[in-house]
C-alpha cells in the first residue's frame, strides 16, 4: 500500500506492521506490545488535547442542533468554524467602464 485513501487504510497498515492487533470478536483494535503501549501512553499524557476536545464538542453541538433543526445555532456554529479557519477575504470585481478587474483583500480580526 503506497497511499492512504481511507482512514481504515492506516489501521490496516498498523495491524500488518504489528503495532496494532485486531480482535474479531469485538471488532476492535488494540496495542498488543507493552513497549509500544507505554510509548503511546507517554505521548497521550504529554500532549495538550484541549483543541481536539473543543473541536469534538463543537462538532457534537452542531450535530445536535442539526437534529433539532435549530437554524440559529447551526448558523452560529458554521460561522464560528469559518472565521476560525479563514484568515482573509478576497473580493474580485470587474469594472466595465475601466475594462479591468480590481481585487480587495481584507484580513479577519
Protein backbone atom coordinates (compact mmCIF):
# COMPACT_ATOMS: atom_id res chain seq x y z
CA UNK A 1 0.00 0.00 0.00
CA UNK A 2 1.62 3.24 -1.10
CA UNK A 3 -1.13 5.72 -0.30
CA UNK A 4 -3.98 6.04 2.14
CA UNK A 5 -7.41 6.61 0.65
CA UNK A 6 -9.46 5.95 3.79
CA UNK A 7 -8.72 6.16 7.48
CA UNK A 8 -9.17 2.38 7.73
CA UNK A 9 -6.10 2.03 5.49
CA UNK A 10 -3.93 3.48 8.26
CA UNK A 11 -5.26 0.96 10.78
CA UNK A 12 -4.73 -1.87 8.29
CA UNK A 13 -1.07 -0.92 7.81
CA UNK A 14 -0.52 -0.58 11.57
CA UNK A 15 -2.06 -4.04 12.08
CA UNK A 16 0.15 -5.58 9.37
CA UNK A 17 3.24 -3.95 10.88
CA UNK A 18 2.35 -5.35 14.29
CA UNK A 19 1.83 -2.03 16.09
CA UNK A 20 -1.86 -2.86 16.45
CA UNK A 21 -3.80 -6.12 16.71
CA UNK A 22 -7.41 -6.81 15.73
CA UNK A 23 -9.95 -8.62 17.91
CA UNK A 24 -12.50 -10.15 15.53
CA UNK A 25 -14.99 -10.88 18.34
CA UNK A 26 -15.27 -7.23 19.43
CA UNK A 27 -14.26 -5.72 16.06
CA UNK A 28 -11.73 -3.51 17.88
CA UNK A 29 -8.05 -2.81 17.51
CA UNK A 30 -5.65 -2.70 20.44
CA UNK A 31 -1.94 -2.23 21.13
CA UNK A 32 -0.54 -5.73 21.78
CA UNK A 33 3.02 -4.73 22.67
CA UNK A 34 3.76 -3.41 26.18
CA UNK A 35 6.65 -1.24 24.97
CA UNK A 36 4.52 0.40 22.25
CA UNK A 37 1.61 0.76 24.68
CA UNK A 38 3.93 2.55 27.15
CA UNK A 39 5.24 4.90 24.46
CA UNK A 40 1.68 5.64 23.33
CA UNK A 41 0.62 6.39 26.92
CA UNK A 42 3.53 8.80 27.31
CA UNK A 43 2.60 10.67 24.13
CA UNK A 44 -1.05 10.86 25.18
CA UNK A 45 -0.17 12.05 28.68
CA UNK A 46 2.29 14.74 27.46
CA UNK A 47 0.03 16.18 24.75
CA UNK A 48 -2.40 19.06 25.14
CA UNK A 49 -5.68 17.66 23.82
CA UNK A 50 -7.68 20.85 24.50
CA UNK A 51 -8.02 21.86 20.82
CA UNK A 52 -9.14 18.35 19.87
CA UNK A 53 -11.63 18.19 22.74
CA UNK A 54 -13.02 21.62 21.83
CA UNK A 55 -13.42 20.60 18.18
CA UNK A 56 -15.22 17.37 19.09
CA UNK A 57 -17.54 19.21 21.49
CA UNK A 58 -18.33 21.88 18.87
CA UNK A 59 -18.99 19.18 16.29
CA UNK A 60 -21.29 17.37 18.71
CA UNK A 61 -23.21 20.58 19.44
CA UNK A 62 -23.57 21.29 15.71
CA UNK A 63 -24.83 17.77 15.08
CA UNK A 64 -27.39 18.05 17.91
CA UNK A 65 -28.56 21.41 16.55
CA UNK A 66 -28.95 19.83 13.12
CA UNK A 67 -31.08 17.00 14.53
CA UNK A 68 -33.18 19.57 16.41
CA UNK A 69 -33.45 21.78 13.29
CA UNK A 70 -32.09 24.74 15.27
CA UNK A 71 -31.13 27.02 12.37
CA UNK A 72 -29.73 29.83 14.56
CA UNK A 73 -27.33 27.54 16.43
CA UNK A 74 -26.28 25.87 13.16
CA UNK A 75 -25.59 29.26 11.55
CA UNK A 76 -23.54 30.44 14.56
CA UNK A 77 -21.57 27.19 14.66
CA UNK A 78 -20.74 27.21 10.96
CA UNK A 79 -19.85 30.92 11.11
CA UNK A 80 -17.52 30.31 14.07
CA UNK A 81 -15.71 27.48 12.27
CA UNK A 82 -15.49 29.55 9.10
CA UNK A 83 -14.00 32.56 10.92
CA UNK A 84 -11.53 30.35 12.79
CA UNK A 85 -10.27 28.79 9.56
CA UNK A 86 -10.35 31.76 7.21
CA UNK A 87 -7.75 34.45 7.69
CA UNK A 88 -8.79 36.74 4.86
CA UNK A 89 -11.48 37.57 2.39
CA UNK A 90 -10.68 38.12 -1.26
CA UNK A 91 -13.08 40.05 -3.46
CA UNK A 92 -12.60 40.34 -7.21
CA UNK A 93 -14.80 42.54 -9.35
CA UNK A 94 -14.87 43.61 -12.99
CA UNK A 95 -15.48 47.28 -13.82
CA UNK A 96 -16.95 47.76 -17.29
CA UNK A 97 -16.14 51.44 -17.52
CA UNK A 98 -12.46 50.78 -16.75
CA UNK A 99 -12.42 47.45 -18.59
CA UNK A 100 -10.45 45.90 -15.79
CA UNK A 101 -10.58 43.86 -12.63
CA UNK A 102 -9.99 45.05 -9.09
CA UNK A 103 -9.10 42.92 -6.13
CA UNK A 104 -9.69 43.67 -2.46
CA UNK A 105 -8.11 41.61 0.29
CA UNK A 106 -9.38 42.07 3.83
CA UNK A 107 -7.93 40.35 6.86
CA UNK A 108 -10.27 38.98 9.53
CA UNK A 109 -9.79 40.34 13.00
